[in-house]
Amino acid sequence: MAAGLVISAPASGVGKTTLTLALARAWRNRGLNVQCFKSGPDYIDPAFHAAATGRASVNVDSWAMDRVSIAHLVGRGADADVVLAEGSMGLFDGVAARGVSGTGATADIAEMLGWPVVLVIDPSGQAQTAAAIAAGLRDYRPGVRLAGVVLNRVASPRHEDLVRRALNEVDIAVFGALPRHAEISLPKRHLGLVQAEEQAEIGKLIDEAARFIAEHVDLDAVLQSAAKWSPHPATNGLNVTPPGQRIALARDAAFSFVYPHMLEAWRAAGAEIVPFSPLADEAPDASANVCWLPGGYPELHAGRIAANARFRSGLRGFAETRPVHGECGGYMVLGAALTDADGVRHEMAGLLGLETSFAKRRMHLGYRLAELAAPMPGHEAGARLRGHEFHYSTILAQPDTPLAVVHDATGTVIAETGSRRGHATGTFFHLIAEDR
């Protein structure tokens, strides 16, 4: 029987990912099997989880997924000793309007699974107030249980003592305190952490974090606070139709933002995935019957993509007879041009008329519900797709026929409709699930 915990915090940027990775590796070093999950729409953290545990991690999302889908995904932890779900943003942060099974908040997953929460608290610039924040989070929502806290970025022994005393007065366990000067952190860029596959020293970084955590956190106490858990068998899996039987999937540093559960669902449905690298000037496999370009960081590689004639001509030739779909960065590459942060315009594949610019940065962030006006690979017209959008590009032109009517989480219609032209389609949102 596995032990389940949720790692959360009052806000983003407090140290949830570092603590999750460090706990996972420290327990793995003790011989335990550790399974991680990511609550919410984050396509970067699961790769770090896999690096720490040696087991694939997937996202669970209460706004986009129903309880059956979440149970199916979490069931992979049945043979683990410890199961950790890393939260996103603050513990109760979600959207204003409820989605399929919740608002997307980490608290939804904690309550749904019955796992207690370990809070990462940063008491910088405060002392006893940290206890008031922890107590408020503990008492805010019935059904969400607090196991205890780990203090991060503690200024001094005296500071730690003040905070510990205050937490003790409100009966909240402190599992450990991490000194500020010795903080372990991972490199970041504008969409979050630098991807795990881009970091040659990722194993050493996680090992160092595990050593650091083991010195300052009571690993046994944290483990004992976990809930004993056995998954209920899911009656069926995810409601995901693969875009084709043999899928040419762009996969490299510029095209890596795809949810792991989507790829697994495609394979489980019998599809074969054939990766290719646009950055290595590779064309999609000629034997594939569909091509899929995920999001990523094309703006960091725009000059190289524009110069890779074999990739661009091969993609155009593929699209003459078979469907090609792009998500976010992949959508931008299917377009006419991309202007990078320095204002340099780079010609892209030209399968769609979309033009985007990173010289005029504007953040687009949030859940998306799209009703397809026309088919796209794997989905018929009228399908309701749930996804998430996160990018900093500005649309300069989006002249093609809209692919969908797209709403944000409040139901407001947005301008990022996606596009279709011939066999090419694209969306700014990353697909998470289709409504059943």
Protein backbone atom coordinates (compact mmCIF):
# COMPACT_ATOMS: atom_id res chain seq x y z
CA MET A 1 0.00 0.00 0.00
CA ALA A 2 1.46 3.35 -1.07
CA ALA A 3 1.79 6.44 1.09
CA GLY A 4 0.37 9.58 -0.58
CA LEU A 5 1.29 13.23 -0.03
CA VAL A 6 0.70 16.53 -1.79
CA ILE A 7 3.47 19.14 -1.87
CA SER A 8 2.05 22.66 -2.00
CA ALA A 9 2.63 26.23 -0.84
CA PRO A 10 0.87 29.55 -0.33
CA ALA A 11 2.17 30.82 -3.69
CA SER A 12 4.39 30.14 -6.68
CA GLY A 13 8.15 30.43 -6.43
CA VAL A 14 8.43 29.16 -2.85
CA GLY A 15 10.29 25.91 -3.58
CA LYS A 16 7.68 23.19 -4.27
CA THR A 17 9.53 21.63 -7.19
CA THR A 18 12.88 21.55 -5.43
CA LEU A 19 11.38 19.95 -2.32
CA THR A 20 9.44 17.41 -4.40
CA LEU A 21 12.51 16.37 -6.37
CA ALA A 22 14.70 16.25 -3.26
CA LEU A 23 12.23 14.16 -1.25
CA ALA A 24 11.71 11.81 -4.19
CA ARG A 25 15.44 11.25 -4.71
CA ALA A 26 16.21 10.98 -0.99
CA TRP A 27 13.57 8.28 -0.52
CA ARG A 28 14.68 6.56 -3.71
CA ASN A 29 18.22 6.53 -2.32
CA ARG A 30 16.80 4.67 0.68
CA GLY A 31 15.46 1.98 -1.64
CA LEU A 32 11.84 3.15 -1.86
CA ASN A 33 9.85 3.25 -5.10
CA VAL A 34 8.59 6.81 -5.56
CA GLN A 35 5.89 7.93 -8.01
CA CYS A 36 5.33 11.62 -8.76
CA PHE A 37 2.46 13.53 -10.34
CA LYS A 38 1.98 17.17 -11.24
CA SER A 39 -1.27 18.90 -10.36
CA GLY A 40 -2.26 21.37 -13.04
CA PRO A 41 -1.14 22.22 -16.57
CA ASP A 42 2.65 22.06 -16.38
CA TYR A 43 4.49 20.21 -19.15
CA ILE A 44 8.02 20.81 -17.75
CA ASP A 45 7.98 19.48 -14.17
CA PRO A 46 7.03 15.86 -15.05
CA ALA A 47 10.38 15.42 -16.82
CA PHE A 48 12.18 16.51 -13.65
CA HIS A 49 10.06 14.08 -11.64
CA ALA A 50 11.09 11.25 -13.95
CA ALA A 51 14.75 12.23 -13.57
CA ALA A 52 14.40 12.09 -9.78
CA THR A 53 12.45 8.84 -9.51
CA GLY A 54 13.19 6.80 -12.62
CA ARG A 55 9.43 6.56 -13.21
CA ALA A 56 7.32 8.52 -15.69
CA SER A 57 5.24 11.31 -14.18
CA VAL A 58 1.99 12.71 -15.58
CA ASN A 59 -0.34 15.65 -14.97
CA VAL A 60 -3.65 15.45 -13.15
CA ASP A 61 -5.97 18.40 -13.63
CA SER A 62 -9.34 18.93 -11.96
CA TRP A 63 -10.45 21.64 -14.40
CA ALA A 64 -9.81 19.61 -17.56
CA MET A 65 -10.21 16.01 -16.35
CA ASP A 66 -13.03 14.08 -14.75
CA ARG A 67 -12.57 11.90 -11.69
CA VAL A 68 -12.41 8.72 -13.78
CA SER A 69 -9.49 10.07 -15.81
CA ILE A 70 -7.67 11.26 -12.70
CA ALA A 71 -8.17 7.88 -11.01
CA HIS A 72 -6.86 6.15 -14.13
CA LEU A 73 -3.71 8.28 -14.19
CA VAL A 74 -3.02 8.10 -10.47
CA GLY A 75 -3.45 4.33 -10.56
CA ARG A 76 0.11 4.03 -11.87
CA GLY A 77 1.27 4.67 -8.31
CA ALA A 78 -0.31 1.46 -7.02
CA ASP A 79 3.02 -0.39 -6.92
CA ALA A 80 4.98 2.51 -5.37
CA ASP A 81 5.98 2.95 -1.76
CA VAL A 82 5.51 6.72 -1.81
CA VAL A 83 3.35 8.84 -4.12
CA LEU A 84 3.96 12.61 -4.33
CA ALA A 85 1.70 15.06 -6.11
CA GLU A 86 3.40 18.40 -6.70
CA GLY A 87 0.99 21.32 -6.73
CA SER A 88 0.94 24.43 -8.87
CA MET A 89 0.69 28.04 -7.69
CA GLY A 90 -0.85 28.32 -4.21
CA LEU A 91 -2.78 25.49 -2.57
CA PHE A 92 -6.25 26.89 -3.31
CA ASP A 93 -5.45 28.79 -6.49
CA GLY A 94 -7.64 27.87 -9.44
CA VAL A 95 -9.99 29.57 -11.84
CA ALA A 96 -13.21 31.33 -10.87
CA ALA A 97 -15.55 28.94 -12.70
CA ARG A 98 -15.58 25.24 -11.95
CA GLY A 99 -14.46 22.90 -14.71
CA VAL A 100 -14.99 19.17 -15.09
CA SER A 101 -14.23 18.14 -11.49
CA GLY A 102 -12.90 21.31 -9.91
CA THR A 103 -11.25 24.67 -10.48
CA GLY A 104 -7.77 23.32 -11.24
CA ALA A 105 -6.59 23.98 -7.68
CA THR A 106 -4.11 21.66 -6.00
CA ALA A 107 -6.57 21.42 -3.10
CA ASP A 108 -9.03 19.64 -5.43
CA ILE A 109 -6.53 16.83 -5.97
CA ALA A 110 -5.64 16.64 -2.27
CA GLU A 111 -9.28 16.30 -1.28
CA MET A 112 -10.15 13.95 -4.13
CA LEU A 113 -7.33 11.53 -3.29
CA GLY A 114 -7.47 12.00 0.49
CA TRP A 115 -3.77 12.86 0.69
CA PRO A 116 -2.50 15.30 3.32
CA VAL A 117 -0.57 18.40 2.28
CA VAL A 118 3.01 19.31 3.11
CA LEU A 119 3.31 23.09 2.80
CA VAL A 120 6.49 24.83 1.77
CA ILE A 121 6.49 28.15 3.65
CA ASP A 122 8.89 31.00 2.91
CA PRO A 123 8.98 33.18 6.06
CA SER A 124 11.27 35.83 4.53
CA GLY A 125 10.41 39.24 6.00
CA GLN A 126 8.15 37.77 8.66
CA ALA A 127 8.13 35.48 11.67
CA GLN A 128 4.92 34.66 13.58
CA THR A 129 2.86 35.74 10.58
CA ALA A 130 4.08 32.61 8.79
CA ALA A 131 2.15 30.58 11.36
CA ALA A 132 -0.99 32.63 10.72
CA ILE A 133 -0.68 31.91 6.99
CA ALA A 134 -0.18 28.18 7.58
CA ALA A 135 -3.10 28.03 10.00
CA GLY A 136 -5.32 29.89 7.55
CA LEU A 137 -4.49 27.42 4.81
CA ARG A 138 -5.11 24.49 7.15
CA ASP A 139 -8.57 25.76 8.12
CA TYR A 140 -9.72 27.26 4.82
CA ARG A 141 -11.40 24.24 3.27
CA PRO A 142 -12.85 21.20 5.06
CA GLY A 143 -11.63 18.00 3.51
CA VAL A 144 -8.12 19.29 2.83
CA ARG A 145 -5.76 18.06 5.56
CA LEU A 146 -2.44 19.65 6.47
CA ALA A 147 0.36 17.27 7.42
CA GLY A 148 2.89 19.94 8.34
CA VAL A 149 5.30 22.47 6.89
CA VAL A 150 8.84 22.78 5.63
CA LEU A 151 10.32 26.24 6.08
CA ASN A 152 12.41 27.56 3.19
CA ARG A 153 14.87 30.48 3.09
CA VAL A 154 15.13 30.88 6.85
CA ALA A 155 17.42 33.80 7.71
CA SER A 156 19.02 32.60 10.97
CA PRO A 157 18.63 30.20 13.91
CA ARG A 158 16.79 32.93 15.83
CA HIS A 159 14.41 33.44 12.90
CA GLU A 160 13.77 29.71 12.72
CA ASP A 161 13.08 29.55 16.45
CA LEU A 162 10.50 32.35 16.27
CA VAL A 163 8.65 30.71 13.41
CA ARG A 164 8.78 27.23 14.96
CA ARG A 165 7.40 28.51 18.26
CA ALA A 166 4.51 30.23 16.50
CA LEU A 167 3.68 27.12 14.46
CA ASN A 168 3.83 24.99 17.58
CA GLU A 169 1.28 27.29 19.24
CA VAL A 170 -1.22 26.57 16.44
CA ASP A 171 -0.38 22.85 16.50
CA ILE A 172 1.29 22.65 13.09
CA ALA A 173 4.23 20.28 12.71
CA VAL A 174 7.50 21.61 11.31
CA PHE A 175 9.32 18.90 9.37
CA GLY A 176 12.41 20.99 8.74
CA ALA A 177 13.91 24.39 7.98
CA LEU A 178 16.14 25.23 5.02
CA PRO A 179 18.64 28.04 5.53
CA ARG A 180 18.46 30.89 3.04
CA HIS A 181 22.16 31.06 2.21
CA ALA A 182 22.26 27.41 1.13
CA GLU A 183 19.21 27.42 -1.11
CA ILE A 184 19.25 24.85 -3.89
CA SER A 185 17.55 26.04 -7.08
CA LEU A 186 17.16 25.03 -10.72
CA PRO A 187 17.73 27.29 -13.75
CA LYS A 188 14.68 29.12 -15.09
CA ARG A 189 13.55 30.88 -18.24
CA HIS A 190 10.40 32.76 -19.21
CA LEU A 191 7.99 29.79 -19.28
CA GLY A 192 9.33 28.15 -16.12
CA LEU A 193 12.26 25.87 -15.39
CA VAL A 194 14.81 25.14 -18.07
CA GLN A 195 13.80 21.72 -19.35
CA ALA A 196 15.31 18.64 -17.73
CA GLU A 197 16.68 17.29 -21.02
CA GLU A 198 18.61 20.54 -21.55
CA GLN A 199 20.54 20.15 -18.30
CA ALA A 200 23.46 17.74 -18.48
CA GLU A 201 24.01 17.97 -14.74
CA ILE A 202 20.38 17.39 -13.72
CA GLY A 203 21.19 14.19 -11.85
CA LYS A 204 23.88 15.91 -9.80
CA LEU A 205 21.59 18.86 -9.07
CA ILE A 206 18.87 16.54 -7.76
CA ASP A 207 21.38 14.53 -5.74
CA GLU A 208 22.67 17.72 -4.13
CA ALA A 209 19.12 18.84 -3.35
CA ALA A 210 18.39 15.42 -1.81
CA ARG A 211 21.51 15.61 0.35
CA PHE A 212 20.60 19.14 1.46
CA ILE A 213 17.02 18.17 2.30
CA ALA A 214 18.13 15.06 4.19
CA GLU A 215 20.32 17.26 6.41
CA HIS A 216 17.56 19.73 7.27
CA VAL A 217 14.24 17.82 7.00
CA ASP A 218 13.00 14.87 9.05
CA LEU A 219 12.34 12.45 6.20
CA ASP A 220 10.86 9.81 8.50
CA ALA A 221 8.37 12.28 9.99
CA VAL A 222 7.28 13.43 6.53
CA LEU A 223 6.80 9.83 5.41
CA GLN A 224 4.83 8.94 8.53
CA SER A 225 2.46 11.85 7.89
CA ALA A 226 1.43 10.43 4.51
CA ALA A 227 -1.94 8.76 3.99
CA LYS A 228 -2.01 5.05 3.27
CA TRP A 229 -3.58 4.73 -0.13
CA SER A 230 -4.77 2.07 -2.53
CA PRO A 231 -6.20 3.24 -5.86
CA HIS A 232 -9.74 2.34 -6.81
CA PRO A 233 -9.76 0.55 -10.17
CA ALA A 234 -10.82 2.95 -12.92
CA THR A 235 -13.58 1.63 -15.13
CA ASN A 236 -11.87 3.05 -18.21
CA GLY A 237 -9.01 5.28 -19.20
CA LEU A 238 -8.63 8.70 -20.73
CA ASN A 239 -11.03 9.96 -23.34
CA VAL A 240 -8.27 10.53 -25.89
CA THR A 241 -8.34 9.65 -29.58
CA PRO A 242 -4.92 9.55 -31.25
CA PRO A 243 -4.51 11.93 -34.19
CA GLY A 244 -3.47 9.04 -36.40
CA GLN A 245 -2.17 5.49 -36.38
CA ARG A 246 1.44 6.49 -37.16
CA ILE A 247 2.31 9.93 -35.80
CA ALA A 248 5.36 11.92 -36.86
CA LEU A 249 6.10 13.91 -33.69
CA ALA A 250 8.49 16.88 -33.67
CA ARG A 251 10.69 16.31 -30.62
CA ASP A 252 13.73 18.36 -29.66
CA ALA A 253 14.69 21.46 -27.62
CA ALA A 254 12.34 23.64 -29.69
CA PHE A 255 9.39 21.21 -29.64
CA SER A 256 9.04 19.49 -26.27
CA PHE A 257 5.90 20.83 -24.58
CA VAL A 258 3.51 17.92 -24.75
CA TYR A 259 1.71 16.36 -21.83
CA PRO A 260 3.08 12.86 -21.08
CA HIS A 261 -0.41 11.47 -20.51
CA MET A 262 -1.35 12.39 -24.09
CA LEU A 263 1.53 10.42 -25.58
CA GLU A 264 0.77 7.46 -23.34
CA ALA A 265 -2.89 7.56 -24.29
CA TRP A 266 -2.01 7.63 -27.99
CA ARG A 267 0.21 4.59 -27.59
CA ALA A 268 -2.38 2.79 -25.44
CA ALA A 269 -4.90 3.29 -28.25
CA GLY A 270 -2.55 1.55 -30.67
CA ALA A 271 -0.82 4.52 -32.27
CA GLU A 272 2.87 4.50 -33.14
CA ILE A 273 4.91 7.65 -32.49
CA VAL A 274 7.84 8.40 -34.80
CA PRO A 275 9.93 11.31 -33.44
CA PHE A 276 11.88 13.66 -35.67
CA SER A 277 13.97 16.75 -34.98
CA PRO A 278 13.31 19.98 -36.89
CA LEU A 279 16.46 21.46 -35.29
CA ALA A 280 18.48 18.63 -36.84
CA ASP A 281 16.85 19.52 -40.19
CA GLU A 282 14.82 16.31 -40.26
CA ALA A 283 11.55 16.00 -42.14
CA PRO A 284 8.54 14.09 -40.81
CA ASP A 285 8.66 10.37 -41.54
CA ALA A 286 7.21 9.70 -44.98
CA SER A 287 5.36 6.61 -43.73
CA ALA A 288 3.41 8.56 -41.08
CA ASN A 289 -0.22 9.48 -41.70
CA VAL A 290 -0.22 12.60 -39.49
CA CYS A 291 2.36 15.12 -38.24
CA TRP A 292 2.16 16.82 -34.83
CA LEU A 293 4.29 19.81 -33.79
CA PRO A 294 4.10 20.43 -30.02
CA GLY A 295 4.90 23.68 -28.30
CA GLY A 296 8.29 24.58 -26.92
CA TYR A 297 10.76 27.38 -27.47
CA PRO A 298 10.82 28.04 -31.25
CA GLU A 299 11.59 31.70 -30.53
CA LEU A 300 14.99 30.67 -29.15
CA HIS A 301 15.77 28.72 -32.33
CA ALA A 302 13.89 30.71 -34.99
CA GLY A 303 16.94 31.42 -37.14
CA ARG A 304 17.93 27.79 -37.23
CA ILE A 305 14.38 26.63 -38.00
CA ALA A 306 14.15 29.15 -40.83
CA ALA A 307 17.47 27.94 -42.26
CA ASN A 308 16.60 24.24 -42.14
CA ALA A 309 15.34 23.82 -45.69
CA ARG A 310 14.97 20.04 -45.52
CA PHE A 311 12.64 20.29 -42.54
CA ARG A 312 10.53 23.06 -44.06
CA SER A 313 10.23 21.54 -47.51
CA GLY A 314 9.57 18.09 -46.06
CA LEU A 315 6.83 19.48 -43.83
CA ARG A 316 5.23 21.29 -46.77
CA GLY A 317 5.35 18.14 -48.88
CA PHE A 318 3.81 16.11 -46.07
CA ALA A 319 0.96 18.62 -45.70
CA GLU A 320 0.03 18.30 -49.37
CA THR A 321 -1.62 14.96 -48.68
CA ARG A 322 -1.82 14.45 -44.90
CA PRO A 323 -2.85 16.44 -41.83
CA VAL A 324 -0.36 18.53 -39.87
CA HIS A 325 -1.23 20.07 -36.51
CA GLY A 326 0.71 22.51 -34.34
CA GLU A 327 0.21 23.52 -30.71
CA CYS A 328 1.41 26.93 -29.49
CA GLY A 329 5.06 27.04 -30.61
CA GLY A 330 4.28 24.39 -33.22
CA TYR A 331 1.40 26.56 -34.44
CA MET A 332 3.79 29.51 -34.77
CA VAL A 333 6.20 27.42 -36.83
CA LEU A 334 3.39 26.36 -39.15
CA GLY A 335 2.72 30.07 -39.74
CA ALA A 336 4.24 32.53 -42.19
CA ALA A 337 6.78 34.20 -39.92
CA LEU A 338 8.03 34.57 -36.36
CA THR A 339 9.74 37.72 -35.08
CA ASP A 340 12.16 37.01 -32.26
CA ALA A 341 12.83 39.09 -29.14
CA ASP A 342 15.51 41.11 -31.02
CA GLY A 343 13.00 42.15 -33.67
CA VAL A 344 14.40 39.87 -36.38
CA ARG A 345 11.72 38.36 -38.63
CA HIS A 346 12.22 34.69 -39.57
CA GLU A 347 10.29 32.90 -42.28
CA MET A 348 8.52 29.80 -41.01
CA ALA A 349 6.81 26.90 -42.83
CA GLY A 350 4.05 29.00 -44.39
CA LEU A 351 1.36 26.33 -44.13
CA LEU A 352 -0.76 28.89 -42.29
CA GLY A 353 -0.83 32.67 -42.49
CA LEU A 354 -0.15 33.23 -38.78
CA GLU A 355 2.51 35.80 -37.91
CA THR A 356 3.70 36.21 -34.33
CA SER A 357 6.20 38.41 -32.54
CA PHE A 358 8.22 38.09 -29.36
CA ALA A 359 9.54 41.62 -29.80
CA LYS A 360 6.11 42.76 -28.61
CA ARG A 361 5.75 40.52 -25.59
CA ARG A 362 2.39 39.89 -24.03
CA MET A 363 1.61 37.05 -21.66
CA HIS A 364 -1.27 34.74 -22.59
CA LEU A 365 -2.09 32.39 -19.74
CA GLY A 366 -5.05 30.28 -18.74
CA TYR A 367 -7.36 27.36 -19.35
CA ARG A 368 -9.11 27.12 -22.70
CA LEU A 369 -12.32 25.39 -23.79
CA ALA A 370 -12.58 25.09 -27.56
CA GLU A 371 -15.51 23.93 -29.68
CA LEU A 372 -14.15 22.84 -33.03
CA ALA A 373 -15.72 24.45 -36.09
CA ALA A 374 -13.92 21.94 -38.30
CA PRO A 375 -12.10 18.66 -37.76
CA MET A 376 -8.51 18.49 -36.56
CA PRO A 377 -6.39 15.34 -36.20
CA GLY A 378 -8.11 12.99 -33.74
CA HIS A 379 -11.20 15.15 -33.23
CA GLU A 380 -14.35 15.82 -35.24
CA ALA A 381 -16.10 19.15 -35.79
CA GLY A 382 -18.16 20.00 -32.72
CA ALA A 383 -15.77 18.33 -30.29
CA ARG A 384 -15.19 20.22 -27.04
CA LEU A 385 -11.50 20.27 -26.18
CA ARG A 386 -9.97 21.38 -22.91
CA GLY A 387 -6.47 22.77 -22.81
CA HIS A 388 -4.16 25.42 -21.46
CA GLU A 389 -2.42 28.40 -23.07
CA PHE A 390 0.86 29.92 -21.87
CA HIS A 391 3.08 32.00 -24.12
CA TYR A 392 4.47 35.50 -24.54
CA SER A 393 3.98 36.02 -28.27
CA THR A 394 1.79 38.67 -29.87
CA ILE A 395 -0.38 37.90 -32.89
CA LEU A 396 0.50 40.16 -35.81
CA ALA A 397 -1.77 38.35 -38.28
CA GLN A 398 -4.13 35.37 -38.06
CA PRO A 399 -5.83 35.50 -41.49
CA ASP A 400 -6.93 31.90 -42.00
CA THR A 401 -10.32 30.37 -41.26
CA PRO A 402 -10.74 29.95 -37.49
CA LEU A 403 -10.42 26.39 -36.27
CA ALA A 404 -12.63 26.80 -33.20
CA VAL A 405 -14.61 29.07 -30.96
CA VAL A 406 -12.35 29.34 -27.92
CA HIS A 407 -13.38 30.45 -24.43
CA ASP A 408 -11.31 31.13 -21.35
CA ALA A 409 -12.23 29.61 -17.99
CA THR A 410 -14.82 32.32 -17.33
CA GLY A 411 -16.63 31.59 -20.60
CA THR A 412 -15.36 34.72 -22.35
CA VAL A 413 -14.65 34.27 -26.07
CA ILE A 414 -10.99 34.99 -26.89
CA ALA A 415 -9.20 35.99 -30.08
CA GLU A 416 -6.83 33.01 -30.18
CA THR A 417 -9.16 30.86 -32.29
CA GLY A 418 -6.56 28.69 -33.95
CA SER A 419 -6.43 28.36 -37.73
CA ARG A 420 -7.00 25.91 -40.56
CA ARG A 421 -5.91 25.89 -44.17
CA GLY A 422 -5.86 22.79 -46.33
CA HIS A 423 -4.47 19.92 -44.28
CA ALA A 424 -2.87 22.26 -41.71
CA THR A 425 -4.43 23.18 -38.37
CA GLY A 426 -3.06 24.91 -35.29
CA THR A 427 -4.03 26.12 -31.83
CA PHE A 428 -2.39 28.29 -29.20
CA PHE A 429 -3.59 25.99 -26.44
CA HIS A 430 -2.04 22.68 -25.45
CA LEU A 431 -4.63 19.90 -25.50
CA ILE A 432 -5.27 18.18 -22.15
CA ALA A 433 -8.51 16.26 -22.65
CA GLU A 434 -11.74 16.08 -24.66
CA ASP A 435 -15.05 16.37 -22.84
CA ARG A 436 -16.69 12.98 -22.56
